[in-house]
N, C-alpha and C. Protein backbone atom coordinates (compact mmCIF):
# COMPACT_ATOMS: atom_id res chain seq x y z
N MET A 1 -99.55 27.03 21.38
CA MET A 1 -99.87 28.14 21.35
C MET A 1 -100.41 28.24 19.27
N GLY A 2 -100.96 29.12 19.52
CA GLY A 2 -101.64 29.04 17.99
C GLY A 2 -101.15 29.70 16.70
N HIS A 3 -102.27 29.86 15.79
CA HIS A 3 -101.63 31.05 15.06
C HIS A 3 -101.66 32.32 15.11
N THR A 4 -100.59 33.58 15.20
CA THR A 4 -100.32 34.87 14.76
C THR A 4 -100.08 35.83 14.02
N ARG A 5 -100.81 36.95 14.54
CA ARG A 5 -101.04 37.37 13.00
C ARG A 5 -100.12 38.37 12.62
N PHE A 6 -98.95 38.07 13.64
CA PHE A 6 -97.69 38.88 13.23
C PHE A 6 -96.99 37.89 12.39
N ARG A 7 -95.93 38.03 11.29
CA ARG A 7 -95.04 37.65 10.34
C ARG A 7 -93.85 37.49 11.09
N ASN A 8 -93.28 37.05 10.48
CA ASN A 8 -91.67 36.69 10.97
C ASN A 8 -90.72 37.66 10.62
N ASP A 9 -89.39 38.22 11.56
CA ASP A 9 -88.50 39.32 10.87
C ASP A 9 -87.54 38.60 10.94
N PRO A 10 -87.09 37.84 9.95
CA PRO A 10 -85.44 36.71 9.86
C PRO A 10 -84.32 38.38 9.95
N GLY A 11 -84.88 38.96 9.79
CA GLY A 11 -82.93 40.36 10.28
C GLY A 11 -83.59 40.37 11.36
N LEU A 12 -84.33 40.78 12.63
CA LEU A 12 -84.08 40.55 13.91
C LEU A 12 -83.99 39.21 14.24
N THR A 13 -84.65 37.50 13.91
CA THR A 13 -83.91 36.60 14.13
C THR A 13 -82.09 36.33 13.70
N ALA A 14 -82.28 37.22 12.92
CA ALA A 14 -80.73 37.40 12.63
C ALA A 14 -79.89 37.75 13.25
N ARG A 15 -80.02 39.20 14.19
CA ARG A 15 -79.45 39.78 14.74
C ARG A 15 -79.15 39.11 16.35
N MET A 16 -80.22 38.47 16.43
CA MET A 16 -80.20 38.21 18.27
C MET A 16 -79.59 36.72 17.61
N GLY A 17 -79.84 36.17 16.98
CA GLY A 17 -78.71 35.08 16.26
C GLY A 17 -77.47 35.33 16.49
N LEU A 18 -76.74 36.33 16.07
CA LEU A 18 -75.35 36.74 16.01
C LEU A 18 -75.21 37.12 17.74
N VAL A 19 -76.19 38.02 18.35
CA VAL A 19 -75.90 38.79 19.55
C VAL A 19 -75.80 37.44 20.62
N GLY A 20 -76.66 36.63 19.96
CA GLY A 20 -76.39 35.08 21.38
C GLY A 20 -75.14 34.46 20.83
N PHE A 21 -75.29 34.89 19.31
CA PHE A 21 -73.40 33.57 19.04
C PHE A 21 -72.04 34.50 19.92
N LEU A 22 -72.43 36.34 19.60
CA LEU A 22 -71.02 36.57 20.73
C LEU A 22 -71.06 36.59 21.86
N LEU A 23 -72.40 36.08 22.52
CA LEU A 23 -72.65 35.92 24.19
C LEU A 23 -71.69 34.55 24.46
N VAL A 24 -71.84 33.67 23.90
CA VAL A 24 -71.48 32.23 24.03
C VAL A 24 -69.93 32.21 23.96
N ALA A 25 -69.47 33.07 22.57
CA ALA A 25 -67.91 33.20 21.97
C ALA A 25 -66.87 33.97 23.64
N LEU A 26 -67.88 34.88 23.88
CA LEU A 26 -67.45 35.80 25.04
C LEU A 26 -67.32 35.28 26.24
N TYR A 27 -68.10 34.08 26.11
CA TYR A 27 -68.37 33.11 27.76
C TYR A 27 -67.68 31.90 27.38
N LEU A 28 -67.17 31.69 26.60
CA LEU A 28 -66.02 30.60 26.18
C LEU A 28 -64.60 31.46 26.32
N GLY A 29 -64.28 32.31 26.31
CA GLY A 29 -63.26 32.58 26.14
C GLY A 29 -62.92 33.65 27.36
N VAL A 30 -63.74 33.40 28.30
CA VAL A 30 -63.60 34.05 29.36
C VAL A 30 -62.92 32.48 29.99
N VAL A 31 -64.16 32.18 29.77
CA VAL A 31 -63.68 30.21 30.52
C VAL A 31 -62.03 29.61 30.13
N ALA A 32 -62.05 29.95 28.62
CA ALA A 32 -60.78 29.54 28.47
C ALA A 32 -59.80 30.64 29.49
N ALA A 33 -59.87 32.30 29.60
CA ALA A 33 -58.85 32.25 29.81
C ALA A 33 -58.39 31.47 30.81
N LEU A 34 -59.65 31.44 32.12
CA LEU A 34 -58.94 31.08 33.75
C LEU A 34 -58.29 29.91 33.56
N ILE A 35 -58.71 28.99 32.76
CA ILE A 35 -58.22 27.52 32.75
C ILE A 35 -56.37 28.16 32.20
N ALA A 36 -56.29 28.49 31.04
CA ALA A 36 -55.16 28.99 30.62
C ALA A 36 -54.19 29.87 31.56
N TYR A 37 -54.96 30.53 32.42
CA TYR A 37 -54.31 30.62 33.69
C TYR A 37 -53.77 30.00 35.00
N GLY A 38 -54.36 29.01 34.55
CA GLY A 38 -53.98 27.54 35.23
C GLY A 38 -55.09 27.52 36.39
N LEU A 39 -56.12 27.78 36.54
CA LEU A 39 -56.67 27.27 37.30
C LEU A 39 -57.41 25.83 37.04
N PRO A 40 -57.96 25.04 37.94
CA PRO A 40 -58.22 23.26 37.49
C PRO A 40 -59.55 23.38 36.43
N THR A 41 -59.71 22.34 35.47
CA THR A 41 -60.38 22.65 34.32
C THR A 41 -62.15 22.73 35.17
N VAL A 42 -61.63 21.40 35.97
CA VAL A 42 -62.87 21.35 36.38
C VAL A 42 -64.09 22.40 37.05
N PHE A 43 -62.91 22.97 38.51
CA PHE A 43 -63.35 24.45 39.05
C PHE A 43 -63.72 25.37 37.98
N VAL A 44 -63.05 25.67 36.58
CA VAL A 44 -63.91 27.05 35.94
C VAL A 44 -65.20 26.25 35.26
N VAL A 45 -65.13 24.78 34.94
CA VAL A 45 -66.75 24.81 34.26
C VAL A 45 -67.63 24.53 35.27
N VAL A 46 -67.03 24.02 36.49
CA VAL A 46 -68.46 24.40 37.68
C VAL A 46 -68.99 25.67 37.96
N ILE A 47 -67.78 26.23 38.11
CA ILE A 47 -68.65 27.78 38.27
C ILE A 47 -68.74 28.89 36.88
N ALA A 48 -68.76 28.18 35.71
CA ALA A 48 -69.08 29.11 34.68
C ALA A 48 -70.55 28.12 34.93
N VAL A 49 -70.44 26.99 34.64
CA VAL A 49 -71.74 26.56 34.91
C VAL A 49 -72.97 27.26 35.94
N GLY A 50 -72.51 27.60 37.25
CA GLY A 50 -73.17 28.20 38.25
C GLY A 50 -73.46 29.44 37.81
N VAL A 51 -72.61 29.83 37.25
CA VAL A 51 -73.04 31.49 36.85
C VAL A 51 -73.65 31.33 35.76
N GLY A 52 -73.86 30.52 34.53
CA GLY A 52 -74.62 30.36 33.79
C GLY A 52 -76.41 29.87 33.80
N TRP A 53 -76.26 29.01 34.85
CA TRP A 53 -77.80 28.81 35.87
C TRP A 53 -77.92 29.99 36.05
N GLY A 54 -77.73 30.38 36.97
CA GLY A 54 -78.19 31.91 37.70
C GLY A 54 -78.06 32.59 36.88
N GLN A 55 -77.76 33.07 35.64
CA GLN A 55 -77.81 34.34 34.98
C GLN A 55 -79.81 33.97 34.70
N TRP A 56 -79.59 32.53 33.85
CA TRP A 56 -80.65 32.30 33.88
C TRP A 56 -82.02 31.89 34.91
N TYR A 57 -81.80 31.57 35.44
CA TYR A 57 -82.77 31.29 36.78
C TYR A 57 -83.56 32.92 37.50
N PHE A 58 -82.67 33.60 37.31
CA PHE A 58 -82.66 35.19 38.38
C PHE A 58 -82.68 36.43 37.53
N SER A 59 -83.05 36.18 35.86
CA SER A 59 -82.99 37.32 35.07
C SER A 59 -83.82 38.01 35.37
N ASP A 60 -85.42 37.20 35.58
CA ASP A 60 -86.40 38.58 35.97
C ASP A 60 -86.08 39.17 36.94
N THR A 61 -84.96 38.99 37.91
CA THR A 61 -85.13 39.10 39.33
C THR A 61 -84.68 40.26 39.33
N VAL A 62 -83.32 40.22 38.58
CA VAL A 62 -81.41 41.02 38.08
C VAL A 62 -82.20 42.18 37.50
N ALA A 63 -83.05 41.78 36.68
CA ALA A 63 -83.88 43.16 35.29
C ALA A 63 -84.76 43.99 36.24
N MET A 64 -85.47 43.22 37.25
CA MET A 64 -86.09 44.14 37.83
C MET A 64 -85.51 45.18 39.24
N LYS A 65 -84.43 44.59 39.58
CA LYS A 65 -82.92 44.93 40.78
C LYS A 65 -82.89 46.04 40.19
N ALA A 66 -82.22 46.29 38.83
CA ALA A 66 -81.52 47.07 38.06
C ALA A 66 -82.14 48.12 37.78
N MET A 67 -83.02 48.16 37.48
CA MET A 67 -84.06 49.24 36.93
C MET A 67 -85.42 49.94 37.95
N ARG A 68 -84.80 49.42 39.42
CA ARG A 68 -85.69 49.85 40.50
C ARG A 68 -86.75 49.55 40.50
N ALA A 69 -87.61 48.33 39.46
CA ALA A 69 -88.72 48.38 38.69
C ALA A 69 -89.70 48.03 40.22
N ARG A 70 -91.10 48.43 39.48
CA ARG A 70 -91.69 47.47 41.24
C ARG A 70 -93.16 46.70 40.64
N GLU A 71 -93.29 45.61 40.92
CA GLU A 71 -94.73 45.27 40.09
C GLU A 71 -96.06 45.96 40.56
N VAL A 72 -96.76 45.85 39.56
CA VAL A 72 -97.88 47.48 40.01
C VAL A 72 -99.18 46.24 39.95
N THR A 73 -100.73 46.41 40.21
CA THR A 73 -101.49 45.63 40.69
C THR A 73 -102.71 46.07 39.50
N PRO A 74 -103.33 45.80 39.00
CA PRO A 74 -104.36 46.04 38.07
C PRO A 74 -104.95 47.61 38.26
N GLU A 75 -105.23 47.75 40.03
CA GLU A 75 -105.75 48.70 40.88
C GLU A 75 -105.04 50.00 40.56
N GLN A 76 -103.74 49.60 40.48
CA GLN A 76 -102.63 50.78 40.85
C GLN A 76 -102.36 51.16 39.42
N ALA A 77 -102.18 50.65 37.96
CA ALA A 77 -101.78 50.85 36.85
C ALA A 77 -102.91 50.05 35.70
N PRO A 78 -104.28 50.61 36.11
CA PRO A 78 -105.49 50.08 35.32
C PRO A 78 -104.96 50.45 33.28
N GLU A 79 -104.38 51.49 32.90
CA GLU A 79 -104.67 51.70 31.70
C GLU A 79 -103.48 50.82 31.41
N LEU A 80 -102.23 50.22 31.81
CA LEU A 80 -100.60 49.56 31.78
C LEU A 80 -101.66 48.11 31.40
N HIS A 81 -102.21 47.58 32.50
CA HIS A 81 -102.28 46.60 32.33
C HIS A 81 -103.62 46.20 31.08
N GLY A 82 -104.52 47.04 30.94
CA GLY A 82 -105.42 46.82 30.10
C GLY A 82 -104.57 46.59 28.76
N VAL A 83 -103.70 47.26 28.35
CA VAL A 83 -102.91 47.35 27.14
C VAL A 83 -101.99 46.26 27.10
N VAL A 84 -101.53 45.64 28.10
CA VAL A 84 -101.35 44.26 28.25
C VAL A 84 -102.39 42.67 28.45
N ASP A 85 -103.25 43.19 28.57
CA ASP A 85 -103.93 42.32 28.17
C ASP A 85 -104.60 42.42 26.82
N ARG A 86 -104.61 42.78 26.52
CA ARG A 86 -105.32 43.03 24.88
C ARG A 86 -104.38 42.69 23.82
N LEU A 87 -103.09 43.20 23.92
CA LEU A 87 -101.67 42.48 23.35
C LEU A 87 -101.60 41.64 23.53
N CYS A 88 -102.11 41.01 25.04
CA CYS A 88 -100.98 39.20 24.70
C CYS A 88 -102.80 38.25 24.54
N ALA A 89 -103.90 38.94 24.60
CA ALA A 89 -104.74 38.14 23.57
C ALA A 89 -104.55 37.98 22.01
N LEU A 90 -103.80 39.57 21.93
CA LEU A 90 -104.07 39.31 19.95
C LEU A 90 -102.58 38.75 19.49
N ALA A 91 -101.63 38.42 20.11
CA ALA A 91 -100.89 37.10 20.57
C ALA A 91 -101.00 36.15 20.84
N ASP A 92 -102.30 35.40 21.32
CA ASP A 92 -102.22 34.55 22.14
C ASP A 92 -101.03 34.04 23.07
N MET A 93 -100.82 34.69 24.26
CA MET A 93 -100.01 34.93 25.01
C MET A 93 -100.46 34.78 26.80
N PRO A 94 -100.12 33.91 27.45
CA PRO A 94 -100.33 34.68 28.67
C PRO A 94 -100.02 35.59 29.18
N LYS A 95 -100.80 35.54 29.91
CA LYS A 95 -100.18 37.74 30.79
C LYS A 95 -99.10 37.47 31.43
N PRO A 96 -98.13 38.27 31.17
CA PRO A 96 -97.26 38.95 32.12
C PRO A 96 -97.09 39.50 33.31
N ARG A 97 -95.97 39.17 34.38
CA ARG A 97 -96.59 40.57 35.46
C ARG A 97 -96.17 41.69 35.13
N VAL A 98 -97.00 42.60 35.56
CA VAL A 98 -96.73 44.25 35.08
C VAL A 98 -96.03 45.15 36.36
N ALA A 99 -94.75 45.61 35.34
CA ALA A 99 -93.89 46.30 36.50
C ALA A 99 -94.00 48.18 36.43
N VAL A 100 -93.36 48.28 36.78
CA VAL A 100 -92.85 50.03 36.55
C VAL A 100 -91.51 50.39 37.22
N ALA A 101 -90.90 51.45 36.34
CA ALA A 101 -89.57 51.43 36.98
C ALA A 101 -89.57 53.52 36.59
N ASP A 102 -89.64 53.37 37.72
CA ASP A 102 -89.74 54.91 38.38
C ASP A 102 -88.36 56.01 37.97
N THR A 103 -88.51 56.10 36.48
CA THR A 103 -86.87 57.03 35.80
C THR A 103 -88.21 57.59 34.47
N ASP A 104 -87.72 58.76 34.08
CA ASP A 104 -87.73 59.85 33.45
C ASP A 104 -87.58 58.63 31.50
N ILE A 105 -86.71 58.31 31.55
CA ILE A 105 -86.03 57.56 30.79
C ILE A 105 -86.91 56.97 30.02
N PRO A 106 -87.63 57.43 28.29
CA PRO A 106 -88.38 56.43 28.19
C PRO A 106 -88.06 55.19 27.17
N ASN A 107 -88.84 54.45 28.08
CA ASN A 107 -88.02 52.55 27.86
C ASN A 107 -89.32 51.69 28.30
N ALA A 108 -89.00 50.71 27.90
CA ALA A 108 -89.57 48.96 28.16
C ALA A 108 -89.32 47.39 27.87
N PHE A 109 -89.70 47.20 28.73
CA PHE A 109 -88.61 45.57 28.49
C PHE A 109 -89.10 44.74 28.93
N ALA A 110 -88.86 43.53 28.66
CA ALA A 110 -89.50 42.50 29.27
C ALA A 110 -87.98 41.07 29.48
N THR A 111 -88.74 40.20 30.30
CA THR A 111 -87.96 39.62 30.97
C THR A 111 -88.69 38.33 31.57
N GLY A 112 -87.59 36.91 31.51
CA GLY A 112 -88.18 35.89 32.63
C GLY A 112 -87.81 35.14 31.91
N ARG A 113 -87.66 33.88 32.17
CA ARG A 113 -86.83 32.49 31.89
C ARG A 113 -88.21 31.96 31.07
N SER A 114 -89.50 32.48 31.64
CA SER A 114 -90.22 31.25 30.79
C SER A 114 -91.50 31.84 31.47
N PRO A 115 -92.94 31.83 30.33
CA PRO A 115 -94.26 32.31 30.65
C PRO A 115 -94.52 32.68 32.11
N SER A 116 -94.53 31.74 32.89
CA SER A 116 -94.79 31.22 33.90
C SER A 116 -93.70 32.87 35.38
N HIS A 117 -92.57 32.63 34.75
CA HIS A 117 -91.57 33.82 35.49
C HIS A 117 -91.66 35.24 34.47
N ALA A 118 -92.49 35.66 33.86
CA ALA A 118 -92.17 36.83 32.41
C ALA A 118 -92.27 37.83 33.36
N VAL A 119 -91.91 39.22 33.21
CA VAL A 119 -92.29 40.75 33.74
C VAL A 119 -92.16 41.45 32.18
N VAL A 120 -93.03 42.70 31.74
CA VAL A 120 -92.90 43.40 31.21
C VAL A 120 -92.96 44.69 32.55
N CYS A 121 -92.34 45.32 31.78
CA CYS A 121 -91.82 46.72 32.66
C CYS A 121 -91.63 47.55 31.77
N VAL A 122 -92.14 48.51 32.13
CA VAL A 122 -92.64 49.85 31.68
C VAL A 122 -92.03 51.74 32.76
N THR A 123 -91.32 51.95 31.93
CA THR A 123 -90.65 53.40 32.84
C THR A 123 -92.18 54.24 32.68
N THR A 124 -91.42 55.21 33.76
CA THR A 124 -92.72 55.93 34.34
C THR A 124 -92.43 57.82 33.09
N GLY A 125 -91.15 57.29 32.37
CA GLY A 125 -91.04 58.03 31.51
C GLY A 125 -91.79 57.94 30.30
N LEU A 126 -91.66 56.93 29.65
CA LEU A 126 -92.78 56.55 29.01
C LEU A 126 -94.01 56.47 29.06
N LEU A 127 -94.34 55.98 30.37
CA LEU A 127 -96.17 55.83 30.34
C LEU A 127 -96.52 57.32 30.08
N ARG A 128 -95.25 58.81 30.69
CA ARG A 128 -96.19 60.09 30.57
C ARG A 128 -95.79 60.49 29.25
N ARG A 129 -94.71 60.37 27.95
CA ARG A 129 -94.69 60.56 26.60
C ARG A 129 -96.44 59.96 26.27
N LEU A 130 -96.82 59.05 26.46
CA LEU A 130 -97.83 57.86 25.98
C LEU A 130 -99.26 59.19 26.07
N ASP A 131 -99.12 59.33 27.62
CA ASP A 131 -100.43 60.08 27.83
C ASP A 131 -100.42 61.26 27.17
N ALA A 132 -99.08 62.05 27.02
CA ALA A 132 -99.68 63.26 26.31
C ALA A 132 -99.89 63.42 25.28
C-alpha cells in the first residue's frame, strides 16, 4: 500500500496493544490452569492451537452470525456501497464485502483475517440515524 493521508494514533495503538496483551495473558492463563488441573500438556497445547486457529480463520463468519448480518449487493444498498467505495479509495485499500445487521442499535464494525476475507457491517439503526 502507498502513502495515506491519515496520521498514526499512538494512543489507539497503545490501547490496542494492551488489549491484545491481556487477551494473550488470559489465553495463556486458561492453558496453564488446564495443565495444572492435570490434563496432558500435549493435549492442552493441541486444543489451544486449534481454538486459536479457528478463532482467526472463522472470525468474519462468527462476527457476522453473532450480529445476524447479511451480505448486501450494490443494488440492495447503493448508498452504503458508495460510502465504502469512497473510503477504500481514500485509504488506498481493497474493498471488503459489505453487510447489514437488522438491529436498531447504531453500530458498525469491520472484521476478517485478511483483505480478501474482510467484511464491513453496519446496523440498520445506524443507517436510519445517518439518513435522518
